[in-house]
Amino acid sequence: MIPHVEIKRVPFTSAFKLAAIGFCFSLIPFATLMGCFALFGFHTVTWNSEPVVGLKGLLASPFIGLFVALFFSLIVGTMLAVGLWIYSFFEPLRIRLPIASIIADEPANDDTPPAAS
């Protein structure tokens, strides 16, 4: 059985972070691939309705991908955060995590002094 975690409320920053990570790690490589096609003369990269080809297209494509990813993250992250906030009024969110252990964000509070150097 996979253990699950119950979350009462997802912070807005976590929703934005999930959206941004998902969009950045998918749209920037895709835009770079389209930039590789633009390097060979295909009209796959456009700016102001003008095709950008050659080395300029290859260099511009990751930045265009970053811009598009951040724009989508802003819109989708907002919708995701509001949707999860509304959902939290009805019941907690249950997530299955196939991991061996859960690591706490805070370090253990032990009273051992630091080693002398």
PDB file of N, CA and C in Angstrom:
ATOM      1  N   MET A   1       0.836  -1.180   0.000  1.00  0.00           N
ATOM      2  CA  MET A   1       0.000   0.000   0.000  1.00  0.00           C
ATOM      3  C   MET A   1       0.881   1.242   0.000  1.00  0.00           C
ATOM      4  N   ILE A   2       0.556   2.187  -0.835  1.00  0.00           N
ATOM      5  CA  ILE A   2       1.319   3.436  -0.933  1.00  0.00           C
ATOM      6  C   ILE A   2       0.815   4.381   0.151  1.00  0.00           C
ATOM      7  N   PRO A   3       1.729   4.946   0.957  1.00  0.00           N
ATOM      8  CA  PRO A   3       1.270   5.881   1.989  1.00  0.00           C
ATOM      9  C   PRO A   3       0.733   7.166   1.369  1.00  0.00           C
ATOM     10  N   HIS A   4      -0.171   7.801   2.081  1.00  0.00           N
ATOM     11  CA  HIS A   4      -0.714   9.049   1.575  1.00  0.00           C
ATOM     12  C   HIS A   4      -0.559  10.144   2.623  1.00  0.00           C
ATOM     13  N   VAL A   5      -0.554  11.361   2.137  1.00  0.00           N
ATOM     14  CA  VAL A   5      -0.425  12.540   2.982  1.00  0.00           C
ATOM     15  C   VAL A   5      -1.720  13.324   2.856  1.00  0.00           C
ATOM     16  N   GLU A   6      -2.210  13.808   3.973  1.00  0.00           N
ATOM     17  CA  GLU A   6      -3.417  14.621   3.967  1.00  0.00           C
ATOM     18  C   GLU A   6      -3.019  16.083   4.124  1.00  0.00           C
ATOM     19  N   ILE A   7      -3.471  16.916   3.204  1.00  0.00           N
ATOM     20  CA  ILE A   7      -3.128  18.336   3.211  1.00  0.00           C
ATOM     21  C   ILE A   7      -4.417  19.119   3.413  1.00  0.00           C
ATOM     22  N   LYS A   8      -4.448  19.947   4.456  1.00  0.00           N
ATOM     23  CA  LYS A   8      -5.657  20.725   4.727  1.00  0.00           C
ATOM     24  C   LYS A   8      -5.768  21.935   3.815  1.00  0.00           C
ATOM     25  N   ARG A   9      -4.647  22.570   3.520  1.00  0.00           N
ATOM     26  CA  ARG A   9      -4.669  23.740   2.643  1.00  0.00           C
ATOM     27  C   ARG A   9      -3.334  23.835   1.930  1.00  0.00           C
ATOM     28  N   VAL A  10      -3.366  23.975   0.620  1.00  0.00           N
ATOM     29  CA  VAL A  10      -2.152  24.132  -0.178  1.00  0.00           C
ATOM     30  C   VAL A  10      -1.836  25.622  -0.259  1.00  0.00           C
ATOM     31  N   PRO A  11      -0.635  26.047   0.153  1.00  0.00           N
ATOM     32  CA  PRO A  11      -0.300  27.476   0.055  1.00  0.00           C
ATOM     33  C   PRO A  11      -0.261  27.943  -1.402  1.00  0.00           C
ATOM     34  N   PHE A  12      -0.600  29.216  -1.613  1.00  0.00           N
ATOM     35  CA  PHE A  12      -0.598  29.782  -2.964  1.00  0.00           C
ATOM     36  C   PHE A  12       0.775  29.643  -3.603  1.00  0.00           C
ATOM     37  N   THR A  13       1.826  29.835  -2.811  1.00  0.00           N
ATOM     38  CA  THR A  13       3.176  29.757  -3.384  1.00  0.00           C
ATOM     39  C   THR A  13       3.484  28.357  -3.903  1.00  0.00           C
ATOM     40  N   SER A  14       2.982  27.332  -3.233  1.00  0.00           N
ATOM     41  CA  SER A  14       3.221  25.965  -3.698  1.00  0.00           C
ATOM     42  C   SER A  14       2.497  25.697  -5.016  1.00  0.00           C
ATOM     43  N   ALA A  15       1.294  26.226  -5.156  1.00  0.00           N
ATOM     44  CA  ALA A  15       0.560  26.051  -6.417  1.00  0.00           C
ATOM     45  C   ALA A  15       1.287  26.752  -7.551  1.00  0.00           C
ATOM     46  N   PHE A  16       1.779  27.969  -7.303  1.00  0.00           N
ATOM     47  CA  PHE A  16       2.528  28.684  -8.337  1.00  0.00           C
ATOM     48  C   PHE A  16       3.835  27.965  -8.664  1.00  0.00           C
ATOM     49  N   LYS A  17       4.493  27.437  -7.650  1.00  0.00           N
ATOM     50  CA  LYS A  17       5.756  26.731  -7.876  1.00  0.00           C
ATOM     51  C   LYS A  17       5.535  25.478  -8.721  1.00  0.00           C
ATOM     52  N   LEU A  18       4.480  24.714  -8.426  1.00  0.00           N
ATOM     53  CA  LEU A  18       4.181  23.524  -9.228  1.00  0.00           C
ATOM     54  C   LEU A  18       3.870  23.888 -10.676  1.00  0.00           C
ATOM     55  N   ALA A  19       3.083  24.933 -10.871  1.00  0.00           N
ATOM     56  CA  ALA A  19       2.751  25.354 -12.236  1.00  0.00           C
ATOM     57  C   ALA A  19       3.998  25.838 -12.967  1.00  0.00           C
ATOM     58  N   ALA A  20       4.836  26.639 -12.293  1.00  0.00           N
ATOM     59  CA  ALA A  20       6.032  27.183 -12.935  1.00  0.00           C
ATOM     60  C   ALA A  20       7.025  26.081 -13.293  1.00  0.00           C
ATOM     61  N   ILE A  21       7.222  25.133 -12.398  1.00  0.00           N
ATOM     62  CA  ILE A  21       8.153  24.032 -12.682  1.00  0.00           C
ATOM     63  C   ILE A  21       7.647  23.209 -13.866  1.00  0.00           C
ATOM     64  N   GLY A  22       6.371  22.900 -13.862  1.00  0.00           N
ATOM     65  CA  GLY A  22       5.806  22.115 -14.960  1.00  0.00           C
ATOM     66  C   GLY A  22       5.912  22.812 -16.304  1.00  0.00           C
ATOM     67  N   PHE A  23       5.565  24.091 -16.335  1.00  0.00           N
ATOM     68  CA  PHE A  23       5.619  24.815 -17.610  1.00  0.00           C
ATOM     69  C   PHE A  23       7.057  25.070 -18.053  1.00  0.00           C
ATOM     70  N   CYS A  24       7.938  25.433 -17.128  1.00  0.00           N
ATOM     71  CA  CYS A  24       9.327  25.727 -17.520  1.00  0.00           C
ATOM     72  C   CYS A  24      10.044  24.491 -18.051  1.00  0.00           C
ATOM     73  N   PHE A  25       9.833  23.342 -17.396  1.00  0.00           N
ATOM     74  CA  PHE A  25      10.523  22.139 -17.839  1.00  0.00           C
ATOM     75  C   PHE A  25       9.869  21.466 -19.036  1.00  0.00           C
ATOM     76  N   SER A  26       8.774  22.028 -19.531  1.00  0.00           N
ATOM     77  CA  SER A  26       8.185  21.486 -20.751  1.00  0.00           C
ATOM     78  C   SER A  26       8.239  22.496 -21.902  1.00  0.00           C
ATOM     79  N   LEU A  27       7.955  23.765 -21.643  1.00  0.00           N
ATOM     80  CA  LEU A  27       7.881  24.735 -22.729  1.00  0.00           C
ATOM     81  C   LEU A  27       9.246  25.251 -23.171  1.00  0.00           C
ATOM     82  N   ILE A  28      10.179  25.407 -22.252  1.00  0.00           N
ATOM     83  CA  ILE A  28      11.505  25.902 -22.656  1.00  0.00           C
ATOM     84  C   ILE A  28      12.228  24.887 -23.546  1.00  0.00           C
ATOM     85  N   PRO A  29      12.247  23.585 -23.199  1.00  0.00           N
ATOM     86  CA  PRO A  29      12.861  22.639 -24.149  1.00  0.00           C
ATOM     87  C   PRO A  29      12.125  22.563 -25.485  1.00  0.00           C
ATOM     88  N   PHE A  30      10.794  22.652 -25.455  1.00  0.00           N
ATOM     89  CA  PHE A  30      10.041  22.646 -26.711  1.00  0.00           C
ATOM     90  C   PHE A  30      10.380  23.874 -27.560  1.00  0.00           C
ATOM     91  N   ALA A  31      10.468  25.040 -26.919  1.00  0.00           N
ATOM     92  CA  ALA A  31      10.818  26.256 -27.657  1.00  0.00           C
ATOM     93  C   ALA A  31      12.235  26.159 -28.211  1.00  0.00           C
ATOM     94  N   THR A  32      13.139  25.554 -27.454  1.00  0.00           N
ATOM     95  CA  THR A  32      14.510  25.378 -27.933  1.00  0.00           C
ATOM     96  C   THR A  32      14.545  24.428 -29.131  1.00  0.00           C
ATOM     97  N   LEU A  33      13.716  23.385 -29.097  1.00  0.00           N
ATOM     98  CA  LEU A  33      13.614  22.484 -30.251  1.00  0.00           C
ATOM     99  C   LEU A  33      13.111  23.239 -31.474  1.00  0.00           C
ATOM    100  N   MET A  34      12.120  24.095 -31.280  1.00  0.00           N
ATOM    101  CA  MET A  34      11.633  24.910 -32.390  1.00  0.00           C
ATOM    102  C   MET A  34      12.716  25.880 -32.866  1.00  0.00           C
ATOM    103  N   GLY A  35      13.570  26.336 -31.953  1.00  0.00           N
ATOM    104  CA  GLY A  35      14.703  27.176 -32.332  1.00  0.00           C
ATOM    105  C   GLY A  35      15.713  26.422 -33.176  1.00  0.00           C
ATOM    106  N   CYS A  36      15.883  25.135 -32.902  1.00  0.00           N
ATOM    107  CA  CYS A  36      16.774  24.318 -33.742  1.00  0.00           C
ATOM    108  C   CYS A  36      16.226  24.211 -35.159  1.00  0.00           C
ATOM    109  N   PHE A  37      14.898  24.078 -35.278  1.00  0.00           N
ATOM    110  CA  PHE A  37      14.296  24.076 -36.620  1.00  0.00           C
ATOM    111  C   PHE A  37      14.463  25.432 -37.292  1.00  0.00           C
ATOM    112  N   ALA A  38      14.346  26.506 -36.505  1.00  0.00           N
ATOM    113  CA  ALA A  38      14.516  27.856 -37.071  1.00  0.00           C
ATOM    114  C   ALA A  38      15.946  28.074 -37.535  1.00  0.00           C
ATOM    115  N   LEU A  39      16.895  27.402 -36.907  1.00  0.00           N
ATOM    116  CA  LEU A  39      18.291  27.505 -37.319  1.00  0.00           C
ATOM    117  C   LEU A  39      18.468  27.030 -38.758  1.00  0.00           C
ATOM    118  N   PHE A  40      17.659  26.054 -39.157  1.00  0.00           N
ATOM    119  CA  PHE A  40      17.761  25.508 -40.506  1.00  0.00           C
ATOM    120  C   PHE A  40      16.785  26.149 -41.487  1.00  0.00           C
ATOM    121  N   GLY A  41      16.156  27.269 -41.091  1.00  0.00           N
ATOM    122  CA  GLY A  41      15.334  28.023 -42.023  1.00  0.00           C
ATOM    123  C   GLY A  41      13.839  27.826 -41.921  1.00  0.00           C
ATOM    124  N   PHE A  42      13.387  26.954 -41.038  1.00  0.00           N
ATOM    125  CA  PHE A  42      11.946  26.779 -40.874  1.00  0.00           C
ATOM    126  C   PHE A  42      11.380  27.965 -40.099  1.00  0.00           C
ATOM    127  N   HIS A  43      10.150  28.338 -40.391  1.00  0.00           N
ATOM    128  CA  HIS A  43       9.508  29.476 -39.730  1.00  0.00           C
ATOM    129  C   HIS A  43       8.762  29.007 -38.487  1.00  0.00           C
ATOM    130  N   THR A  44       9.492  28.498 -37.507  1.00  0.00           N
ATOM    131  CA  THR A  44       8.885  27.978 -36.283  1.00  0.00           C
ATOM    132  C   THR A  44       8.955  28.963 -35.129  1.00  0.00           C
ATOM    133  N   VAL A  45       9.768  30.001 -35.237  1.00  0.00           N
ATOM    134  CA  VAL A  45       9.882  31.011 -34.189  1.00  0.00           C
ATOM    135  C   VAL A  45       9.446  32.339 -34.786  1.00  0.00           C
ATOM    136  N   THR A  46       8.466  32.972 -34.132  1.00  0.00           N
ATOM    137  CA  THR A  46       8.001  34.278 -34.609  1.00  0.00           C
ATOM    138  C   THR A  46       8.048  35.289 -33.475  1.00  0.00           C
ATOM    139  N   TRP A  47       8.289  36.539 -33.827  1.00  0.00           N
ATOM    140  CA  TRP A  47       8.254  37.642 -32.887  1.00  0.00           C
ATOM    141  C   TRP A  47       7.608  38.820 -33.605  1.00  0.00           C
ATOM    142  N   ASN A  48       6.553  39.365 -33.046  1.00  0.00           N
ATOM    143  CA  ASN A  48       5.771  40.438 -33.682  1.00  0.00           C
ATOM    144  C   ASN A  48       5.271  40.022 -35.070  1.00  0.00           C
ATOM    145  N   SER A  49       4.797  38.816 -35.172  1.00  0.00           N
ATOM    146  CA  SER A  49       4.256  38.246 -36.412  1.00  0.00           C
ATOM    147  C   SER A  49       5.289  38.149 -37.524  1.00  0.00           C
ATOM    148  N   GLU A  50       6.548  38.237 -37.201  1.00  0.00           N
ATOM    149  CA  GLU A  50       7.632  38.083 -38.172  1.00  0.00           C
ATOM    150  C   GLU A  50       8.431  36.837 -37.830  1.00  0.00           C
ATOM    151  N   PRO A  51       8.714  35.971 -38.803  1.00  0.00           N
ATOM    152  CA  PRO A  51       9.530  34.794 -38.505  1.00  0.00           C
ATOM    153  C   PRO A  51      10.970  35.190 -38.178  1.00  0.00           C
ATOM    154  N   VAL A  52      11.521  34.518 -37.194  1.00  0.00           N
ATOM    155  CA  VAL A  52      12.921  34.720 -36.807  1.00  0.00           C
ATOM    156  C   VAL A  52      13.645  33.419 -37.126  1.00  0.00           C
ATOM    157  N   VAL A  53      14.569  33.472 -38.075  1.00  0.00           N
ATOM    158  CA  VAL A  53      15.250  32.258 -38.523  1.00  0.00           C
ATOM    159  C   VAL A  53      16.750  32.405 -38.300  1.00  0.00           C
ATOM    160  N   GLY A  54      17.439  31.293 -38.469  1.00  0.00           N
ATOM    161  CA  GLY A  54      18.888  31.288 -38.333  1.00  0.00           C
ATOM    162  C   GLY A  54      19.321  31.283 -36.874  1.00  0.00           C
ATOM    163  N   LEU A  55      20.499  31.810 -36.644  1.00  0.00           N
ATOM    164  CA  LEU A  55      21.059  31.840 -35.289  1.00  0.00           C
ATOM    165  C   LEU A  55      20.213  32.710 -34.363  1.00  0.00           C
ATOM    166  N   LYS A  56      19.620  33.767 -34.900  1.00  0.00           N
ATOM    167  CA  LYS A  56      18.743  34.614 -34.080  1.00  0.00           C
ATOM    168  C   LYS A  56      17.541  33.823 -33.561  1.00  0.00           C
ATOM    169  N   GLY A  57      16.982  32.973 -34.399  1.00  0.00           N
ATOM    170  CA  GLY A  57      15.856  32.143 -33.975  1.00  0.00           C
ATOM    171  C   GLY A  57      16.248  31.156 -32.898  1.00  0.00           C
ATOM    172  N   LEU A  58      17.439  30.575 -33.048  1.00  0.00           N
ATOM    173  CA  LEU A  58      17.919  29.630 -32.041  1.00  0.00           C
ATOM    174  C   LEU A  58      18.179  30.326 -30.713  1.00  0.00           C
ATOM    175  N   LEU A  59      18.735  31.526 -30.749  1.00  0.00           N
ATOM    176  CA  LEU A  59      19.039  32.247 -29.510  1.00  0.00           C
ATOM    177  C   LEU A  59      17.796  32.854 -28.875  1.00  0.00           C
ATOM    178  N   ALA A  60      16.813  33.232 -29.680  1.00  0.00           N
ATOM    179  CA  ALA A  60      15.603  33.854 -29.145  1.00  0.00           C
ATOM    180  C   ALA A  60      14.620  32.836 -28.585  1.00  0.00           C
ATOM    181  N   SER A  61      14.645  31.624 -29.085  1.00  0.00           N
ATOM    182  CA  SER A  61      13.621  30.649 -28.721  1.00  0.00           C
ATOM    183  C   SER A  61      13.589  30.290 -27.230  1.00  0.00           C
ATOM    184  N   PRO A  62      14.722  30.079 -26.531  1.00  0.00           N
ATOM    185  CA  PRO A  62      14.600  29.788 -25.090  1.00  0.00           C
ATOM    186  C   PRO A  62      14.002  30.950 -24.302  1.00  0.00           C
ATOM    187  N   PHE A  63      14.299  32.175 -24.706  1.00  0.00           N
ATOM    188  CA  PHE A  63      13.749  33.333 -23.997  1.00  0.00           C
ATOM    189  C   PHE A  63      12.249  33.480 -24.270  1.00  0.00           C
ATOM    190  N   ILE A  64      11.844  33.182 -25.488  1.00  0.00           N
ATOM    191  CA  ILE A  64      10.414  33.195 -25.795  1.00  0.00           C
ATOM    192  C   ILE A  64       9.711  32.092 -25.002  1.00  0.00           C
ATOM    193  N   GLY A  65      10.335  30.917 -24.925  1.00  0.00           N
ATOM    194  CA  GLY A  65       9.772  29.826 -24.130  1.00  0.00           C
ATOM    195  C   GLY A  65       9.659  30.179 -22.661  1.00  0.00           C
ATOM    196  N   LEU A  66      10.669  30.874 -22.129  1.00  0.00           N
ATOM    197  CA  LEU A  66      10.628  31.306 -20.728  1.00  0.00           C
ATOM    198  C   LEU A  66       9.493  32.305 -20.512  1.00  0.00           C
ATOM    199  N   PHE A  67       9.344  33.262 -21.428  1.00  0.00           N
ATOM    200  CA  PHE A  67       8.275  34.246 -21.329  1.00  0.00           C
ATOM    201  C   PHE A  67       6.905  33.570 -21.351  1.00  0.00           C
ATOM    202  N   VAL A  68       6.713  32.645 -22.278  1.00  0.00           N
ATOM    203  CA  VAL A  68       5.433  31.940 -22.393  1.00  0.00           C
ATOM    204  C   VAL A  68       5.184  31.091 -21.144  1.00  0.00           C
ATOM    205  N   ALA A  69       6.227  30.415 -20.646  1.00  0.00           N
ATOM    206  CA  ALA A  69       6.077  29.575 -19.448  1.00  0.00           C
ATOM    207  C   ALA A  69       5.705  30.414 -18.231  1.00  0.00           C
ATOM    208  N   LEU A  70       6.338  31.565 -18.054  1.00  0.00           N
ATOM    209  CA  LEU A  70       6.005  32.418 -16.910  1.00  0.00           C
ATOM    210  C   LEU A  70       4.600  32.999 -17.044  1.00  0.00           C
ATOM    211  N   PHE A  71       4.200  33.356 -18.258  1.00  0.00           N
ATOM    212  CA  PHE A  71       2.853  33.881 -18.477  1.00  0.00           C
ATOM    213  C   PHE A  71       1.806  32.812 -18.159  1.00  0.00           C
ATOM    214  N   PHE A  72       2.003  31.595 -18.670  1.00  0.00           N
ATOM    215  CA  PHE A  72       1.071  30.513 -18.375  1.00  0.00           C
ATOM    216  C   PHE A  72       1.077  30.175 -16.888  1.00  0.00           C
ATOM    217  N   SER A  73       2.250  30.220 -16.266  1.00  0.00           N
ATOM    218  CA  SER A  73       2.337  29.922 -14.834  1.00  0.00           C
ATOM    219  C   SER A  73       1.537  30.920 -14.021  1.00  0.00           C
ATOM    220  N   LEU A  74       1.567  32.167 -14.423  1.00  0.00           N
ATOM    221  CA  LEU A  74       0.806  33.189 -13.713  1.00  0.00           C
ATOM    222  C   LEU A  74      -0.691  32.918 -13.812  1.00  0.00           C
ATOM    223  N   ILE A  75      -1.171  32.620 -15.003  1.00  0.00           N
ATOM    224  CA  ILE A  75      -2.612  32.392 -15.184  1.00  0.00           C
ATOM    225  C   ILE A  75      -3.051  31.065 -14.573  1.00  0.00           C
ATOM    226  N   VAL A  76      -2.371  29.982 -14.939  1.00  0.00           N
ATOM    227  CA  VAL A  76      -2.768  28.661 -14.456  1.00  0.00           C
ATOM    228  C   VAL A  76      -2.489  28.524 -12.969  1.00  0.00           C
ATOM    229  N   GLY A  77      -1.392  29.106 -12.484  1.00  0.00           N
ATOM    230  CA  GLY A  77      -1.094  29.058 -11.055  1.00  0.00           C
ATOM    231  C   GLY A  77      -2.163  29.744 -10.235  1.00  0.00           C
ATOM    232  N   THR A  78      -2.679  30.852 -10.735  1.00  0.00           N
ATOM    233  CA  THR A  78      -3.761  31.543 -10.038  1.00  0.00           C
ATOM    234  C   THR A  78      -5.024  30.690 -10.003  1.00  0.00           C
ATOM    235  N   MET A  79      -5.381  30.118 -11.148  1.00  0.00           N
ATOM    236  CA  MET A  79      -6.577  29.263 -11.190  1.00  0.00           C
ATOM    237  C   MET A  79      -6.394  28.028 -10.303  1.00  0.00           C
ATOM    238  N   LEU A  80      -5.196  27.440 -10.319  1.00  0.00           N
ATOM    239  CA  LEU A  80      -4.913  26.266  -9.504  1.00  0.00           C
ATOM    240  C   LEU A  80      -4.992  26.596  -8.019  1.00  0.00           C
ATOM    241  N   ALA A  81      -4.402  27.716  -7.619  1.00  0.00           N
ATOM    242  CA  ALA A  81      -4.408  28.111  -6.210  1.00  0.00           C
ATOM    243  C   ALA A  81      -5.826  28.399  -5.723  1.00  0.00           C
ATOM    244  N   VAL A  82      -6.600  29.111  -6.520  1.00  0.00           N
ATOM    245  CA  VAL A  82      -7.983  29.414  -6.124  1.00  0.00           C
ATOM    246  C   VAL A  82      -8.825  28.138  -6.090  1.00  0.00           C
ATOM    247  N   GLY A  83      -8.641  27.282  -7.070  1.00  0.00           N
ATOM    248  CA  GLY A  83      -9.388  26.026  -7.093  1.00  0.00           C
ATOM    249  C   GLY A  83      -9.067  25.133  -5.905  1.00  0.00           C
ATOM    250  N   LEU A  84      -7.797  25.013  -5.546  1.00  0.00           N
ATOM    251  CA  LEU A  84      -7.429  24.209  -4.386  1.00  0.00           C
ATOM    252  C   LEU A  84      -7.886  24.859  -3.084  1.00  0.00           C
ATOM    253  N   TRP A  85      -7.910  26.181  -3.055  1.00  0.00           N
ATOM    254  CA  TRP A  85      -8.394  26.883  -1.870  1.00  0.00           C
ATOM    255  C   TRP A  85      -9.885  26.600  -1.661  1.00  0.00           C
ATOM    256  N   ILE A  86     -10.672  26.648  -2.747  1.00  0.00           N
ATOM    257  CA  ILE A  86     -12.104  26.348  -2.648  1.00  0.00           C
ATOM    258  C   ILE A  86     -12.307  24.879  -2.267  1.00  0.00           C
ATOM    259  N   TYR A  87     -11.514  23.990  -2.840  1.00  0.00           N
ATOM    260  CA  TYR A  87     -11.623  22.558  -2.533  1.00  0.00           C
ATOM    261  C   TYR A  87     -11.328  22.287  -1.064  1.00  0.00           C
ATOM    262  N   SER A  88     -10.423  23.077  -0.464  1.00  0.00           N
ATOM    263  CA  SER A  88     -10.047  22.843   0.933  1.00  0.00           C
ATOM    264  C   SER A  88     -11.197  23.122   1.895  1.00  0.00           C
ATOM    265  N   PHE A  89     -12.226  23.846   1.467  1.00  0.00           N
ATOM    266  CA  PHE A  89     -13.384  24.074   2.328  1.00  0.00           C
ATOM    267  C   PHE A  89     -14.233  22.817   2.480  1.00  0.00           C
ATOM    268  N   PHE A  90     -14.161  21.916   1.520  1.00  0.00           N
ATOM    269  CA  PHE A  90     -15.015  20.738   1.532  1.00  0.00           C
ATOM    270  C   PHE A  90     -14.344  19.532   2.174  1.00  0.00           C
ATOM    271  N   GLU A  91     -13.102  19.271   1.835  1.00  0.00           N
ATOM    272  CA  GLU A  91     -12.382  18.144   2.436  1.00  0.00           C
ATOM    273  C   GLU A  91     -10.890  18.323   2.195  1.00  0.00           C
ATOM    274  N   PRO A  92     -10.062  17.665   3.019  1.00  0.00           N
ATOM    275  CA  PRO A  92      -8.614  17.788   2.811  1.00  0.00           C
ATOM    276  C   PRO A  92      -8.166  17.026   1.566  1.00  0.00           C
ATOM    277  N   LEU A  93      -7.078  17.471   1.005  1.00  0.00           N
ATOM    278  CA  LEU A  93      -6.510  16.860  -0.188  1.00  0.00           C
ATOM    279  C   LEU A  93      -5.649  15.676   0.237  1.00  0.00           C
ATOM    280  N   ARG A  94      -5.863  14.529  -0.387  1.00  0.00           N
ATOM    281  CA  ARG A  94      -5.063  13.330  -0.084  1.00  0.00           C
ATOM    282  C   ARG A  94      -4.181  13.021  -1.288  1.00  0.00           C
ATOM    283  N   ILE A  95      -2.885  12.920  -1.029  1.00  0.00           N
ATOM    284  CA  ILE A  95      -1.919  12.664  -2.087  1.00  0.00           C
ATOM    285  C   ILE A  95      -1.167  11.389  -1.745  1.00  0.00           C
ATOM    286  N   ARG A  96      -1.083  10.483  -2.698  1.00  0.00           N
ATOM    287  CA  ARG A  96      -0.300   9.256  -2.502  1.00  0.00           C
ATOM    288  C   ARG A  96       1.140   9.527  -2.900  1.00  0.00           C
ATOM    289  N   LEU A  97       2.062   9.176  -2.011  1.00  0.00           N
ATOM    290  CA  LEU A  97       3.480   9.408  -2.255  1.00  0.00           C
ATOM    291  C   LEU A  97       4.235   8.086  -2.214  1.00  0.00           C
ATOM    292  N   PRO A  98       4.712   7.613  -3.343  1.00  0.00           N
ATOM    293  CA  PRO A  98       5.475   6.361  -3.356  1.00  0.00           C
ATOM    294  C   PRO A  98       6.943   6.595  -2.981  1.00  0.00           C
ATOM    295  N   ILE A  99       7.176   6.992  -1.727  1.00  0.00           N
ATOM    296  CA  ILE A  99       8.529   7.232  -1.249  1.00  0.00           C
ATOM    297  C   ILE A  99       8.763   6.404  -0.005  1.00  0.00           C
ATOM    298  N   ALA A 100      10.034   6.197   0.335  1.00  0.00           N
ATOM    299  CA  ALA A 100      10.371   5.385   1.492  1.00  0.00           C
ATOM    300  C   ALA A 100      10.164   6.154   2.791  1.00  0.00           C
ATOM    301  N   SER A 101      10.504   7.431   2.799  1.00  0.00           N
ATOM    302  CA  SER A 101      10.341   8.218   4.018  1.00  0.00           C
ATOM    303  C   SER A 101      10.070   9.664   3.642  1.00  0.00           C
ATOM    304  N   ILE A 102       9.500  10.388   4.582  1.00  0.00           N
ATOM    305  CA  ILE A 102       9.215  11.798   4.380  1.00  0.00           C
ATOM    306  C   ILE A 102      10.247  12.592   5.165  1.00  0.00           C
ATOM    307  N   ILE A 103      10.895  13.530   4.496  1.00  0.00           N
ATOM    308  CA  ILE A 103      11.947  14.328   5.116  1.00  0.00           C
ATOM    309  C   ILE A 103      11.341  15.642   5.577  1.00  0.00           C
ATOM    310  N   ALA A 104      11.580  15.991   6.841  1.00  0.00           N
ATOM    311  CA  ALA A 104      11.045  17.238   7.382  1.00  0.00           C
ATOM    312  C   ALA A 104      11.888  18.412   6.902  1.00  0.00           C
ATOM    313  N   ASP A 105      11.241  19.575   6.769  1.00  0.00           N
ATOM    314  CA  ASP A 105      11.954  20.778   6.354  1.00  0.00           C
ATOM    315  C   ASP A 105      12.854  21.319   7.460  1.00  0.00           C
ATOM    316  N   GLU A 106      12.457  21.100   8.698  1.00  0.00           N
ATOM    317  CA  GLU A 106      13.220  21.639   9.815  1.00  0.00           C
ATOM    318  C   GLU A 106      14.245  20.616  10.282  1.00  0.00           C
ATOM    319  N   PRO A 107      15.460  21.062  10.590  1.00  0.00           N
ATOM    320  CA  PRO A 107      16.462  20.123  11.088  1.00  0.00           C
ATOM    321  C   PRO A 107      16.096  19.637  12.483  1.00  0.00           C
ATOM    322  N   ALA A 108      16.631  18.498  12.850  1.00  0.00           N
ATOM    323  CA  ALA A 108      16.385  17.947  14.166  1.00  0.00           C
ATOM    324  C   ALA A 108      16.938  18.875  15.226  1.00  0.00           C
ATOM    325  N   ASN A 109      16.230  18.994  16.353  1.00  0.00           N
ATOM    326  CA  ASN A 109      16.654  19.894  17.425  1.00  0.00           C
ATOM    327  C   ASN A 109      17.470  19.104  18.434  1.00  0.00           C
ATOM    328  N   ASP A 110      18.743  18.971  18.172  1.00  0.00           N
ATOM    329  CA  ASP A 110      19.602  18.292  19.132  1.00  0.00           C
ATOM    330  C   ASP A 110      20.484  19.333  19.810  1.00  0.00           C
ATOM    331  N   ASP A 111      20.824  19.066  21.052  1.00  0.00           N
ATOM    332  CA  ASP A 111      21.589  20.041  21.852  1.00  0.00           C
ATOM    333  C   ASP A 111      23.083  19.785  21.827  1.00  0.00           C
ATOM    334  N   THR A 112      23.565  19.099  20.811  1.00  0.00           N
ATOM    335  CA  THR A 112      24.999  18.854  20.741  1.00  0.00           C
ATOM    336  C   THR A 112      25.700  20.091  20.209  1.00  0.00           C
ATOM    337  N   PRO A 113      26.790  20.496  20.872  1.00  0.00           N
ATOM    338  CA  PRO A 113      27.510  21.675  20.403  1.00  0.00           C
ATOM    339  C   PRO A 113      28.237  21.372  19.095  1.00  0.00           C
ATOM    340  N   PRO A 114      28.485  22.394  18.283  1.00  0.00           N
ATOM    341  CA  PRO A 114      29.223  22.164  17.041  1.00  0.00           C
ATOM    342  C   PRO A 114      30.664  21.755  17.335  1.00  0.00           C
ATOM    343  N   ALA A 115      31.236  21.013  16.419  1.00  0.00           N
ATOM    344  CA  ALA A 115      32.613  20.523  16.598  1.00  0.00           C
ATOM    345  C   ALA A 115      33.584  21.701  16.502  1.00  0.00           C
ATOM    346  N   ALA A 116      34.575  21.662  17.372  1.00  0.00           N
ATOM    347  CA  ALA A 116      35.606  22.715  17.377  1.00  0.00           C
ATOM    348  C   ALA A 116      36.547  22.496  16.204  1.00  0.00           C
ATOM    349  N   SER A 117      36.953  23.592  15.576  1.00  0.00           N
ATOM    350  CA  SER A 117      37.855  23.446  14.433  1.00  0.00           C
ATOM    351  C   SER A 117      39.222  23.981  14.743  1.00  0.00           C
TER     352      SER A 117
END
